[in-house]
Protein backbone atom coordinates (compact mmCIF):
# COMPACT_ATOMS: atom_id res chain seq x y z
CA MET A 1 157.72 30.56 112.03
CA LEU A 2 157.40 34.13 110.82
CA VAL A 3 155.41 34.80 107.69
CA LEU A 4 156.39 37.90 105.78
CA ARG A 5 154.66 39.09 102.65
CA GLU A 6 156.45 41.30 100.09
CA VAL A 7 159.44 41.69 102.36
CA ARG A 8 162.39 43.90 101.61
CA LEU A 9 164.97 43.41 104.32
CA PRO A 10 167.71 46.00 104.63
CA ALA A 11 170.21 43.71 106.33
CA ALA A 12 172.22 46.64 107.67
CA ALA A 13 169.16 47.98 109.49
CA VAL A 14 168.01 44.61 110.80
CA GLN A 15 171.38 43.25 111.93
CA PRO A 16 172.20 45.41 114.97
CA LEU A 17 168.81 45.08 116.59
CA LEU A 18 168.09 41.36 116.65
CA LEU A 19 169.41 38.38 118.51
CA GLU A 20 172.52 37.01 116.85
CA GLN A 21 170.90 33.85 115.48
CA VAL A 22 167.75 35.65 114.37
CA ASP A 23 170.00 38.20 112.67
CA ARG A 24 171.65 35.45 110.67
CA ASP A 25 168.33 33.83 109.80
CA LEU A 26 166.65 37.02 108.63
CA ALA A 27 169.67 38.74 107.10
CA ALA A 28 170.33 35.70 104.92
CA ILE A 29 167.34 36.61 102.78
CA SER A 30 167.05 39.75 100.72
CA ALA A 31 163.43 39.25 99.71
CA ALA A 32 161.16 36.48 100.90
CA GLU A 33 157.66 35.54 101.75
CA VAL A 34 158.45 33.12 104.54
CA ALA A 35 161.24 33.22 107.09
CA THR A 36 161.45 30.39 109.57
CA SER A 37 163.55 29.89 112.64
CA ALA A 38 163.07 27.97 115.85
CA HIS A 39 164.92 30.85 117.48
CA LEU A 40 162.00 33.20 116.79
CA GLY A 41 159.51 31.35 119.00
CA PRO A 42 160.82 32.09 122.49
CA ILE A 43 162.08 35.65 121.92
CA SER A 44 160.77 38.38 124.21
CA ALA A 45 157.97 40.79 123.35
CA GLU A 46 160.61 43.53 123.16
CA ARG A 47 162.55 41.60 120.51
CA ILE A 48 159.33 40.84 118.63
CA ARG A 49 158.63 44.60 118.55
CA GLN A 50 162.11 45.14 117.09
CA VAL A 51 161.45 42.55 114.38
CA ARG A 52 158.08 44.12 113.60
CA ASP A 53 159.50 47.64 113.57
CA ASP A 54 162.44 46.62 111.37
CA LEU A 55 159.92 45.19 108.92
CA ALA A 56 157.53 48.12 109.16
CA ASP A 57 157.10 48.29 105.38
CA SER A 58 155.91 44.68 105.23
CA PRO A 59 152.89 42.93 106.74
CA VAL A 60 154.10 40.47 109.37
CA GLU A 61 152.26 37.39 110.60
CA ALA A 62 153.48 34.61 112.86
CA VAL A 63 152.66 30.94 112.43
CA VAL A 64 153.47 28.88 115.51
CA THR A 65 153.67 25.13 115.02
CA VAL A 66 152.81 23.13 118.12
CA ARG A 67 153.16 19.41 118.76
CA ASP A 68 151.92 17.38 121.67
CA LEU A 69 154.02 17.26 124.82
CA GLY A 70 154.34 13.50 124.54
CA ARG A 71 156.58 14.09 121.53
CA SER A 72 158.07 17.44 122.59
CA VAL A 73 159.51 16.26 125.90
CA PRO A 74 161.68 13.44 124.50
CA ALA A 75 162.59 15.50 121.41
CA MET A 76 163.86 18.40 123.49
CA TRP A 77 165.78 16.01 125.76
CA GLN A 78 167.44 14.50 122.69
CA GLU A 79 168.38 17.98 121.49
CA THR A 80 170.02 18.72 124.85
CA LEU A 81 172.05 15.52 124.49
CA LYS A 82 173.12 16.49 120.98
CA ASN A 83 174.16 19.87 122.37
CA ARG A 84 176.36 18.23 125.02
CA GLN A 85 174.12 18.57 128.06
CA SER A 86 174.37 15.60 130.38
CA TRP A 87 170.92 15.47 131.94
CA GLY A 88 169.65 11.94 132.30
CA TRP A 89 166.06 11.20 131.29
CA THR A 90 164.73 11.09 134.86
CA GLU A 91 166.67 14.26 135.76
CA HIS A 92 165.20 15.96 132.70
CA LEU A 93 161.66 14.95 133.66
CA ALA A 94 162.16 16.08 137.26
CA ALA A 95 163.43 19.48 136.03
CA LEU A 96 160.25 19.92 133.98
CA GLU A 97 158.23 19.54 137.16
CA ASP A 98 160.37 21.45 139.63
CA GLY A 99 161.68 24.27 137.43
CA GLY A 100 165.30 23.14 137.21
CA ASP A 101 167.59 24.38 134.44
CA ALA A 102 166.37 21.81 131.91
CA GLY A 103 162.77 22.65 132.80
CA ARG A 104 163.26 26.39 132.39
CA ARG A 105 164.85 25.84 128.98
CA PHE A 106 162.07 23.49 127.93
CA TRP A 107 159.17 25.71 128.97
CA ARG A 108 160.78 28.83 127.50
CA GLN A 109 160.64 27.16 124.10
CA GLN A 110 157.67 24.84 124.43
CA ALA A 111 155.03 26.75 126.42
CA ALA A 112 152.86 27.44 123.38
CA ASP A 113 150.45 29.64 125.32
CA ARG A 114 153.28 32.00 126.28
CA VAL A 115 154.90 31.96 122.83
CA VAL A 116 151.59 32.66 121.08
CA GLY A 117 150.68 35.25 123.73
CA ARG A 118 153.89 37.26 123.23
CA TRP A 119 153.52 37.29 119.45
CA ALA A 120 149.80 38.16 119.66
CA GLU A 121 150.54 40.98 122.13
CA VAL A 122 152.83 42.63 119.58
CA LEU A 123 151.36 41.65 116.20
CA GLY A 124 147.71 41.43 117.25
CA PRO A 125 145.85 38.12 117.61
CA GLU A 126 144.58 38.36 114.03
CA ASN A 127 148.19 38.07 112.80
CA VAL A 128 149.18 35.00 114.83
CA HIS A 129 148.18 31.50 113.75
CA VAL A 130 148.66 28.15 115.44
CA VAL A 131 149.23 25.03 113.38
CA THR A 132 149.25 21.69 115.15
CA VAL A 133 151.80 19.12 114.06
CA PRO A 134 149.98 15.97 112.93
CA PRO A 135 150.41 12.79 114.95
CA PRO A 136 152.84 10.06 113.92
CA GLY A 137 151.57 8.10 110.96
CA ALA A 138 149.65 11.05 109.45
CA PRO A 139 150.28 11.82 105.78
CA GLY A 140 153.63 13.58 105.34
CA GLU A 141 152.07 16.53 103.54
CA LEU A 142 149.46 17.30 106.21
CA LEU A 143 151.62 19.77 108.16
CA TRP A 144 152.50 21.56 104.91
CA GLU A 145 148.83 21.75 103.94
CA ARG A 146 147.92 23.19 107.34
CA PHE A 147 150.66 25.77 107.05
CA CYS A 148 149.63 26.75 103.52
CA GLU A 149 146.04 27.21 104.68
CA VAL A 150 146.86 29.68 107.45
CA ALA A 151 149.60 31.43 105.44
CA GLY A 152 147.25 31.90 102.50
CA ILE A 153 149.64 30.32 100.00
CA THR A 154 149.23 27.47 97.60
CA GLY A 155 151.48 24.50 97.98
CA THR A 156 150.13 22.18 95.35
CA GLU A 157 153.53 21.05 94.12
CA TRP A 158 156.42 20.50 96.45
CA ASP A 159 159.13 17.98 97.04
CA GLU A 160 159.46 16.69 100.56
CA ALA A 161 162.85 17.66 101.90
CA PRO A 162 164.99 14.94 103.40
CA ARG A 163 164.79 14.82 107.18
CA ALA A 164 167.73 16.79 108.49
CA ASN A 165 166.89 16.50 112.18
CA GLU A 166 166.38 12.80 112.75
CA SER A 167 165.48 11.64 116.24
CA LEU A 168 168.04 9.72 118.23
CA GLY A 169 167.33 6.05 118.83
CA VAL A 170 167.62 4.56 122.31
CA ALA A 171 171.20 3.39 121.78
CA SER A 172 172.27 6.76 120.38
CA ALA A 173 170.59 8.65 123.25
CA LEU A 174 172.34 6.47 125.82
CA LEU A 175 175.68 6.92 124.06
CA MET A 176 175.24 10.72 123.87
CA GLY A 177 174.40 10.79 127.57
CA ARG A 178 177.72 9.08 128.38
CA ILE A 179 179.90 11.27 126.15
């Protein structure tokens, strides 16, 4: 997640320099305080510099949300199934250990130390914050409260958005793996 304060985004200047998806995410807003995209996490230090430089008139901070691997591994596997990859569960786990294609994809996005390190290298450690995702069963507003604390914003009134990225159940995961 990228936190921008008092941002004025000239879409024409931002568009040619950023990754296609990041372009769409950032160019979709003309003025904002918070821009969020899962695509921002694993981008290279070079791309982070481009984002920072394109937003030179605005202070930029990054907030990286991190959840435990026990939840990240199955979630990422489910995402690969939804995106038409055919790795079985055991193949997926083996790739995490031996560096196979699924493993490289996983660690590029989920190695929090590397993600935080790249952003801190470019923005400075004082401008990068880590927020841990609460465990299952925690109050629904806890993640929001943690984010508000590090972002320096108040979030006293908010409506919880409906879950748009539901996890697959066992039957659905098995079906997706066969399709």
